[in-house]
C-alpha atoms as a PDB file:
ATOM      1  CA  MET A   1       0.000   0.000   0.000  1.00  0.00           C
ATOM      2  CA  ALA A   2       2.821   2.370   0.907  1.00  0.00           C
ATOM      3  CA  ASP A   3       4.521   1.612  -2.413  1.00  0.00           C
ATOM      4  CA  GLN A   4       1.343   2.478  -4.324  1.00  0.00           C
ATOM      5  CA  VAL A   5       0.980   5.789  -2.471  1.00  0.00           C
ATOM      6  CA  GLU A   6       4.625   6.639  -3.113  1.00  0.00           C
ATOM      7  CA  ARG A   7       4.313   5.775  -6.808  1.00  0.00           C
ATOM      8  CA  ALA A   8       1.164   7.879  -7.146  1.00  0.00           C
ATOM      9  CA  SER A   9       2.919  10.788  -5.442  1.00  0.00           C
ATOM     10  CA  ALA A  10       5.904  10.440  -7.777  1.00  0.00           C
ATOM     11  CA  ALA A  11       3.628  10.326 -10.834  1.00  0.00           C
ATOM     12  CA  ASN A  12       1.861  13.471  -9.647  1.00  0.00           C
ATOM     13  CA  ARG A  13       5.199  15.266  -9.243  1.00  0.00           C
ATOM     14  CA  VAL A  14       6.322  14.243 -12.719  1.00  0.00           C
ATOM     15  CA  TYR A  15       2.975  15.282 -14.172  1.00  0.00           C
ATOM     16  CA  ALA A  16       3.140  18.713 -12.514  1.00  0.00           C
ATOM     17  CA  VAL A  17       6.770  19.359 -13.510  1.00  0.00           C
ATOM     18  CA  THR A  18       6.361  18.238 -17.123  1.00  0.00           C
ATOM     19  CA  LYS A  19       3.097  20.102 -17.591  1.00  0.00           C
ATOM     20  CA  GLU A  20       4.632  23.324 -16.274  1.00  0.00           C
ATOM     21  CA  LEU A  21       7.590  22.938 -18.654  1.00  0.00           C
ATOM     22  CA  ILE A  22       5.111  22.714 -21.527  1.00  0.00           C
ATOM     23  CA  LEU A  23       2.932  25.595 -20.376  1.00  0.00           C
ATOM     24  CA  ASN A  24       5.840  27.967 -19.687  1.00  0.00           C
ATOM     25  CA  GLY A  25       7.424  27.233 -23.068  1.00  0.00           C
ATOM     26  CA  GLU A  26      10.591  25.565 -21.821  1.00  0.00           C
ATOM     27  CA  LEU A  27       9.367  22.557 -23.781  1.00  0.00           C
ATOM     28  CA  PRO A  28       8.061  24.180 -26.993  1.00  0.00           C
ATOM     29  CA  THR A  29       5.841  22.535 -29.539  1.00  0.00           C
ATOM     30  CA  GLY A  30       7.752  19.834 -31.377  1.00  0.00           C
ATOM     31  CA  SER A  31      10.137  19.046 -28.517  1.00  0.00           C
ATOM     32  CA  LEU A  32      11.001  15.360 -28.229  1.00  0.00           C
ATOM     33  CA  ILE A  33      11.518  14.258 -24.639  1.00  0.00           C
ATOM     34  CA  SER A  34      12.371  10.878 -23.174  1.00  0.00           C
ATOM     35  CA  GLU A  35      11.165   9.163 -20.040  1.00  0.00           C
ATOM     36  CA  GLY A  36      14.771   8.863 -18.901  1.00  0.00           C
ATOM     37  CA  GLU A  37      15.376  12.587 -19.179  1.00  0.00           C
ATOM     38  CA  ILE A  38      12.341  13.509 -17.097  1.00  0.00           C
ATOM     39  CA  ALA A  39      13.047  10.717 -14.608  1.00  0.00           C
ATOM     40  CA  ALA A  40      16.533  12.159 -14.056  1.00  0.00           C
ATOM     41  CA  ARG A  41      15.205  15.675 -13.673  1.00  0.00           C
ATOM     42  CA  VAL A  42      12.566  14.753 -11.073  1.00  0.00           C
ATOM     43  CA  GLU A  43      14.768  12.019  -9.560  1.00  0.00           C
ATOM     44  CA  VAL A  44      12.268   9.181  -9.906  1.00  0.00           C
ATOM     45  CA  SER A  45      12.135   5.884 -11.774  1.00  0.00           C
ATOM     46  CA  ARG A  46      10.660   5.629 -15.266  1.00  0.00           C
ATOM     47  CA  THR A  47       7.427   3.991 -14.103  1.00  0.00           C
ATOM     48  CA  PRO A  48       5.822   7.189 -12.655  1.00  0.00           C
ATOM     49  CA  VAL A  49       7.100   9.107 -15.684  1.00  0.00           C
ATOM     50  CA  ARG A  50       5.249   6.706 -17.961  1.00  0.00           C
ATOM     51  CA  GLU A  51       2.062   7.206 -15.936  1.00  0.00           C
ATOM     52  CA  ALA A  52       2.443  10.982 -16.043  1.00  0.00           C
ATOM     53  CA  PHE A  53       3.050  10.939 -19.795  1.00  0.00           C
ATOM     54  CA  LEU A  54      -0.168   8.974 -20.290  1.00  0.00           C
ATOM     55  CA  ARG A  55      -2.091  11.663 -18.369  1.00  0.00           C
ATOM     56  CA  LEU A  56      -0.530  14.397 -20.478  1.00  0.00           C
ATOM     57  CA  GLU A  57      -1.357  12.465 -23.638  1.00  0.00           C
ATOM     58  CA  ALA A  58      -4.994  12.266 -22.496  1.00  0.00           C
ATOM     59  CA  GLU A  59      -4.929  16.051 -22.071  1.00  0.00           C
ATOM     60  CA  GLU A  60      -3.562  16.365 -25.636  1.00  0.00           C
ATOM     61  CA  LEU A  61      -0.319  17.962 -24.512  1.00  0.00           C
ATOM     62  CA  LEU A  62       1.929  15.039 -25.517  1.00  0.00           C
ATOM     63  CA  ALA A  63       1.944  12.471 -28.304  1.00  0.00           C
ATOM     64  CA  LEU A  64       3.669   9.246 -27.241  1.00  0.00           C
ATOM     65  CA  HIS A  65       6.014   7.370 -29.575  1.00  0.00           C
ATOM     66  CA  PRO A  66       7.073   3.922 -28.279  1.00  0.00           C
ATOM     67  CA  LYS A  67      10.850   3.498 -27.844  1.00  0.00           C
ATOM     68  CA  ARG A  68      11.431   7.104 -28.860  1.00  0.00           C
ATOM     69  CA  GLY A  69       9.744   9.272 -26.256  1.00  0.00           C
ATOM     70  CA  ALA A  70       7.027  11.895 -26.366  1.00  0.00           C
ATOM     71  CA  VAL A  71       6.490  14.966 -28.535  1.00  0.00           C
ATOM     72  CA  VAL A  72       4.894  18.190 -27.335  1.00  0.00           C
ATOM     73  CA  VAL A  73       1.905  18.732 -29.591  1.00  0.00           C
ATOM     74  CA  PRO A  74       0.613  22.097 -30.831  1.00  0.00           C
ATOM     75  CA  VAL A  75      -2.724  23.655 -30.075  1.00  0.00           C
ATOM     76  CA  PRO A  76      -4.737  22.605 -33.156  1.00  0.00           C
ATOM     77  CA  PRO A  77      -5.822  25.654 -35.232  1.00  0.00           C
ATOM     78  CA  GLY A  78      -9.484  24.668 -35.035  1.00  0.00           C
ATOM     79  CA  GLU A  79      -9.248  24.277 -31.286  1.00  0.00           C
ATOM     80  CA  ALA A  80      -7.632  27.700 -30.955  1.00  0.00           C
ATOM     81  CA  ALA A  81     -10.629  29.260 -32.717  1.00  0.00           C
ATOM     82  CA  ASP A  82     -12.975  27.355 -30.413  1.00  0.00           C
ATOM     83  CA  VAL A  83     -11.129  28.605 -27.321  1.00  0.00           C
ATOM     84  CA  LEU A  84     -11.331  32.216 -28.491  1.00  0.00           C
ATOM     85  CA  ASP A  85     -15.059  31.902 -29.228  1.00  0.00           C
ATOM     86  CA  LEU A  86     -15.708  30.479 -25.763  1.00  0.00           C
ATOM     87  CA  ARG A  87     -13.602  33.140 -24.082  1.00  0.00           C
ATOM     88  CA  GLN A  88     -15.504  35.895 -25.884  1.00  0.00           C
ATOM     89  CA  ALA A  89     -18.847  34.404 -24.902  1.00  0.00           C
ATOM     90  CA  LEU A  90     -18.006  33.680 -21.269  1.00  0.00           C
ATOM     91  CA  GLU A  91     -16.275  36.987 -20.570  1.00  0.00           C
ATOM     92  CA  HIS A  92     -19.022  39.012 -22.274  1.00  0.00           C
ATOM     93  CA  SER A  93     -21.608  37.119 -20.243  1.00  0.00           C
ATOM     94  CA  ALA A  94     -19.616  37.906 -17.094  1.00  0.00           C
ATOM     95  CA  ALA A  95     -19.517  41.595 -18.050  1.00  0.00           C
ATOM     96  CA  GLU A  96     -23.295  41.626 -18.571  1.00  0.00           C
ATOM     97  CA  ARG A  97     -23.848  40.025 -15.181  1.00  0.00           C
ATOM     98  CA  ILE A  98     -21.533  42.559 -13.546  1.00  0.00           C
ATOM     99  CA  ALA A  99     -23.381  45.386 -15.316  1.00  0.00           C
ATOM    100  CA  ARG A 100     -26.730  44.146 -13.996  1.00  0.00           C
ATOM    101  CA  GLY A 101     -25.256  44.491 -10.511  1.00  0.00           C
ATOM    102  CA  GLY A 102     -24.321  48.127 -11.122  1.00  0.00           C
ATOM    103  CA  GLY A 103     -20.719  47.612 -12.217  1.00  0.00           C
ATOM    104  CA  LEU A 104     -17.669  46.008 -10.676  1.00  0.00           C
ATOM    105  CA  GLY A 105     -17.390  46.530  -6.925  1.00  0.00           C
ATOM    106  CA  PRO A 106     -14.309  47.614  -4.925  1.00  0.00           C
ATOM    107  CA  ASP A 107     -13.118  44.071  -4.150  1.00  0.00           C
ATOM    108  CA  GLY A 108     -13.264  42.986  -7.767  1.00  0.00           C
ATOM    109  CA  GLN A 109     -11.559  46.191  -8.874  1.00  0.00           C
ATOM    110  CA  GLU A 110      -8.729  45.705  -6.407  1.00  0.00           C
ATOM    111  CA  ARG A 111      -8.220  42.121  -7.469  1.00  0.00           C
ATOM    112  CA  LEU A 112      -8.004  42.908 -11.180  1.00  0.00           C
ATOM    113  CA  ARG A 113      -5.879  46.028 -10.646  1.00  0.00           C
ATOM    114  CA  THR A 114      -3.424  43.933  -8.642  1.00  0.00           C
ATOM    115  CA  LEU A 115      -3.170  41.465 -11.522  1.00  0.00           C
ATOM    116  CA  ILE A 116      -2.555  44.282 -14.010  1.00  0.00           C
ATOM    117  CA  ALA A 117       0.146  45.728 -11.754  1.00  0.00           C
ATOM    118  CA  ARG A 118       1.791  42.324 -11.680  1.00  0.00           C
ATOM    119  CA  GLN A 119       1.621  42.167 -15.482  1.00  0.00           C
ATOM    120  CA  ARG A 120       3.450  45.495 -15.712  1.00  0.00           C
ATOM    121  CA  GLU A 121       6.195  44.203 -13.423  1.00  0.00           C
ATOM    122  CA  LEU A 122       6.590  41.131 -15.617  1.00  0.00           C
ATOM    123  CA  ALA A 123       6.547  43.284 -18.764  1.00  0.00           C
ATOM    124  CA  ASP A 124       9.320  45.462 -17.338  1.00  0.00           C
ATOM    125  CA  ALA A 125      11.332  42.316 -16.639  1.00  0.00           C
ATOM    126  CA  GLY A 126      10.647  40.902 -20.102  1.00  0.00           C
ATOM    127  CA  ASP A 127       9.218  37.747 -18.543  1.00  0.00           C
ATOM    128  CA  VAL A 128       6.932  36.533 -21.336  1.00  0.00           C
ATOM    129  CA  ALA A 129       6.137  33.170 -19.716  1.00  0.00           C
ATOM    130  CA  GLY A 130       5.223  34.830 -16.429  1.00  0.00           C
ATOM    131  CA  PHE A 131       3.156  37.424 -18.266  1.00  0.00           C
ATOM    132  CA  ALA A 132       1.223  34.714 -20.123  1.00  0.00           C
ATOM    133  CA  ALA A 133       0.328  33.117 -16.780  1.00  0.00           C
ATOM    134  CA  ALA A 134      -0.721  36.501 -15.359  1.00  0.00           C
ATOM    135  CA  ASP A 135      -2.762  37.208 -18.495  1.00  0.00           C
ATOM    136  CA  GLU A 136      -4.646  33.945 -18.020  1.00  0.00           C
ATOM    137  CA  ALA A 137      -5.254  34.818 -14.347  1.00  0.00           C
ATOM    138  CA  PHE A 138      -6.652  38.237 -15.300  1.00  0.00           C
ATOM    139  CA  HIS A 139      -9.169  36.908 -17.791  1.00  0.00           C
ATOM    140  CA  CYS A 140     -10.172  34.105 -15.450  1.00  0.00           C
ATOM    141  CA  GLY A 141     -10.568  36.759 -12.736  1.00  0.00           C
ATOM    142  CA  ILE A 142     -13.081  38.624 -14.899  1.00  0.00           C
ATOM    143  CA  VAL A 143     -15.349  35.589 -14.959  1.00  0.00           C
ATOM    144  CA  GLU A 144     -14.795  34.855 -11.276  1.00  0.00           C
ATOM    145  CA  THR A 145     -15.784  38.393 -10.235  1.00  0.00           C
ATOM    146  CA  SER A 146     -19.156  37.875 -11.934  1.00  0.00           C
ATOM    147  CA  ALA A 147     -19.933  35.320  -9.183  1.00  0.00           C
ATOM    148  CA  ASN A 148     -21.241  32.762 -11.659  1.00  0.00           C
ATOM    149  CA  ARG A 149     -19.743  29.600 -10.215  1.00  0.00           C
ATOM    150  CA  LEU A 150     -20.664  27.361 -13.142  1.00  0.00           C
ATOM    151  CA  ALA A 151     -19.121  29.766 -15.653  1.00  0.00           C
ATOM    152  CA  THR A 152     -16.018  30.071 -13.477  1.00  0.00           C
ATOM    153  CA  ARG A 153     -15.560  26.307 -13.306  1.00  0.00           C
ATOM    154  CA  PHE A 154     -16.032  25.921 -17.062  1.00  0.00           C
ATOM    155  CA  TYR A 155     -13.698  28.823 -17.854  1.00  0.00           C
ATOM    156  CA  ALA A 156     -11.000  27.242 -15.685  1.00  0.00           C
ATOM    157  CA  THR A 157     -10.960  24.237 -18.022  1.00  0.00           C
ATOM    158  CA  LEU A 158      -9.661  26.546 -20.758  1.00  0.00           C
ATOM    159  CA  GLY A 159      -6.756  27.729 -18.614  1.00  0.00           C
ATOM    160  CA  ASP A 160      -3.994  25.474 -19.945  1.00  0.00           C
ATOM    161  CA  ARG A 161      -4.916  26.101 -23.571  1.00  0.00           C
ATOM    162  CA  GLN A 162      -5.279  29.824 -22.959  1.00  0.00           C
ATOM    163  CA  ARG A 163      -1.865  30.039 -21.324  1.00  0.00           C
ATOM    164  CA  ARG A 164      -0.161  28.162 -24.165  1.00  0.00           C
ATOM    165  CA  MET A 165      -1.890  30.305 -26.766  1.00  0.00           C
ATOM    166  CA  GLY A 166      -0.881  33.453 -24.893  1.00  0.00           C
ATOM    167  CA  LEU A 167       2.751  32.415 -24.756  1.00  0.00           C
ATOM    168  CA  ILE A 168       2.800  31.472 -28.444  1.00  0.00           C
ATOM    169  CA  ALA A 169       1.247  34.846 -29.342  1.00  0.00           C
ATOM    170  CA  LEU A 170       3.472  36.976 -27.095  1.00  0.00           C
ATOM    171  CA  ALA A 171       6.874  35.292 -27.379  1.00  0.00           C
ATOM    172  CA  PRO A 172       7.656  36.729 -30.839  1.00  0.00           C
ATOM    173  CA  ARG A 173       6.458  40.210 -29.729  1.00  0.00           C
ATOM    174  CA  PRO A 174       7.701  40.898 -26.169  1.00  0.00           C
ATOM    175  CA  SER A 175       7.410  44.643 -26.826  1.00  0.00           C
ATOM    176  CA  ARG A 176       3.636  44.176 -26.868  1.00  0.00           C
ATOM    177  CA  LEU A 177       3.419  43.182 -23.188  1.00  0.00           C
ATOM    178  CA  HIS A 178       2.779  46.728 -21.985  1.00  0.00           C
ATOM    179  CA  VAL A 179       0.187  47.209 -24.741  1.00  0.00           C
ATOM    180  CA  VAL A 180      -1.667  44.131 -23.504  1.00  0.00           C
ATOM    181  CA  ALA A 181      -1.620  45.514 -19.959  1.00  0.00           C
ATOM    182  CA  ASP A 182      -3.044  48.806 -21.294  1.00  0.00           C
ATOM    183  CA  GLU A 183      -5.826  46.878 -23.028  1.00  0.00           C
ATOM    184  CA  HIS A 184      -6.571  45.110 -19.761  1.00  0.00           C
ATOM    185  CA  GLU A 185      -6.919  48.528 -18.116  1.00  0.00           C
ATOM    186  CA  MET A 186      -9.523  49.415 -20.741  1.00  0.00           C
ATOM    187  CA  LEU A 187     -11.420  46.181 -20.114  1.00  0.00           C
ATOM    188  CA  LEU A 188     -11.381  46.858 -16.392  1.00  0.00           C
ATOM    189  CA  GLY A 189     -12.696  50.375 -16.959  1.00  0.00           C
ATOM    190  CA  HIS A 190     -15.708  49.027 -18.845  1.00  0.00           C
ATOM    191  CA  LEU A 191     -16.404  46.546 -16.040  1.00  0.00           C
ATOM    192  CA  VAL A 192     -16.285  49.303 -13.428  1.00  0.00           C
ATOM    193  CA  THR A 193     -18.832  51.407 -15.282  1.00  0.00           C
ATOM    194  CA  GLY A 194     -20.984  48.443 -16.318  1.00  0.00           C
ATOM    195  CA  ALA A 195     -20.499  49.105 -20.044  1.00  0.00           C
ATOM    196  CA  SER A 196     -20.869  45.488 -21.135  1.00  0.00           C
ATOM    197  CA  ASP A 197     -21.278  46.193 -24.864  1.00  0.00           C
ATOM    198  CA  ALA A 198     -18.148  48.353 -24.922  1.00  0.00           C
ATOM    199  CA  PHE A 199     -16.394  45.596 -22.968  1.00  0.00           C
ATOM    200  CA  ALA A 200     -17.365  43.037 -25.629  1.00  0.00           C
ATOM    201  CA  GLU A 201     -16.045  45.206 -28.467  1.00  0.00           C
ATOM    202  CA  THR A 202     -12.794  45.942 -26.633  1.00  0.00           C
ATOM    203  CA  LEU A 203     -12.351  42.264 -25.803  1.00  0.00           C
ATOM    204  CA  ARG A 204     -12.917  41.251 -29.418  1.00  0.00           C
ATOM    205  CA  ALA A 205     -10.264  43.711 -30.609  1.00  0.00           C
ATOM    206  CA  HIS A 206      -7.943  42.619 -27.794  1.00  0.00           C
ATOM    207  CA  LEU A 207      -8.140  38.941 -28.753  1.00  0.00           C
ATOM    208  CA  LEU A 208      -7.801  39.687 -32.466  1.00  0.00           C
ATOM    209  CA  ALA A 209      -4.686  41.798 -31.880  1.00  0.00           C
ATOM    210  CA  ALA A 210      -3.138  39.049 -29.749  1.00  0.00           C
ATOM    211  CA  HIS A 211      -4.067  35.957 -31.734  1.00  0.00           C
ATOM    212  CA  GLY A 212      -5.131  37.130 -35.167  1.00  0.00           C
ATOM    213  CA  ALA A 213      -7.101  34.567 -37.141  1.00  0.00           C
ATOM    214  CA  PRO A 214      -6.362  31.188 -35.502  1.00  0.00           C
ATOM    215  CA  GLY A 215      -4.611  28.854 -37.896  1.00  0.00           C
ATOM    216  CA  ALA A 216      -3.074  31.647 -39.966  1.00  0.00           C
ATOM    217  CA  GLY A 217       0.344  31.461 -38.317  1.00  0.00           C
ATOM    218  CA  SER A 218       2.940  28.858 -37.471  1.00  0.00           C
ATOM    219  CA  ASP A 219       2.199  26.273 -34.843  1.00  0.00           C
ATOM    220  CA  ALA A 220       5.837  25.557 -34.090  1.00  0.00           C
ATOM    221  CA  GLY A 221       5.512  27.078 -30.654  1.00  0.00           C
ATOM    222  CA  PRO A 222       6.966  30.242 -29.079  1.00  0.00           C
ATOM    223  CA  GLY A 223       9.300  31.837 -31.553  1.00  0.00           C
ATOM    224  CA  GLY A 224       9.005  28.790 -33.780  1.00  0.00           C
ATOM    225  CA  ALA A 225      11.887  27.269 -31.839  1.00  0.00           C
ATOM    226  CA  ARG A 226      12.367  23.671 -30.931  1.00  0.00           C
ATOM    227  CA  SER A 227      14.873  24.413 -28.242  1.00  0.00           C
ATOM    228  CA  GLY A 228      14.816  23.935 -24.501  1.00  0.00           C
ATOM    229  CA  LEU A 229      14.925  20.872 -22.316  1.00  0.00           C
ATOM    230  CA  GLY A 230      13.892  18.497 -25.071  1.00  0.00           C
ATOM    231  CA  SER A 231      16.146  19.768 -27.853  1.00  0.00           C
ATOM    232  CA  GLY A 232      17.811  17.109 -29.889  1.00  0.00           C
ATOM    233  CA  LEU A 233      16.586  14.270 -27.741  1.00  0.00           C
ATOM    234  CA  GLY A 234      15.930  11.054 -29.542  1.00  0.00           C
ATOM    235  CA  SER A 235      16.921   8.444 -26.996  1.00  0.00           C
ATOM    236  CA  GLU A 236      14.608   5.588 -26.310  1.00  0.00           C
ATOM    237  CA  ALA A 237      12.023   6.057 -23.590  1.00  0.00           C
END
């Protein structure tokens, strides 16, 4: 029993570490990684790595290749369009709900302003991966401040995809980080005043500027690079 608990704990650690490497761009799209490499990094045997890789394959983050390893897969163009459509719908709905309540209250304002301030710090530091995570937190915060628990739970399921898409969009244009933060200020202003229609238009322009028409660009990952932890790896898993 103790061995099973320990193995499950090890698999969870491997899962968390590998997933974060994918989401923060250290393992870009196209990276080939081996079980042995991850096992050495997390200091576990290959068995929990195999279990973690299966979970990540089920989440469509990895494609497994027997005796070769696993490849980080891109966000499919069609899926990217679906994510953007859902974000537009859920965030606009949140804005309408906030407007019906007379606009965003002091607590919600403070929360979102704090996230924008954090984004500016990350922009100053040129931390694109950190900014992408903060961007995801801001947009999720919009839905959460509407107090619609079902919408919040559903929106959270988009988080991993949203973060990857944000990193892919921002990595080639780090100079745009401050512009994104400015656009977030505009979105917040519309929430404060309860201008839900203006919020929807600003959000649509914001997403278009960041992501363009999904499927129009390269899906090779941030900067198109295949560098990072998994570069050049082709050893057997």
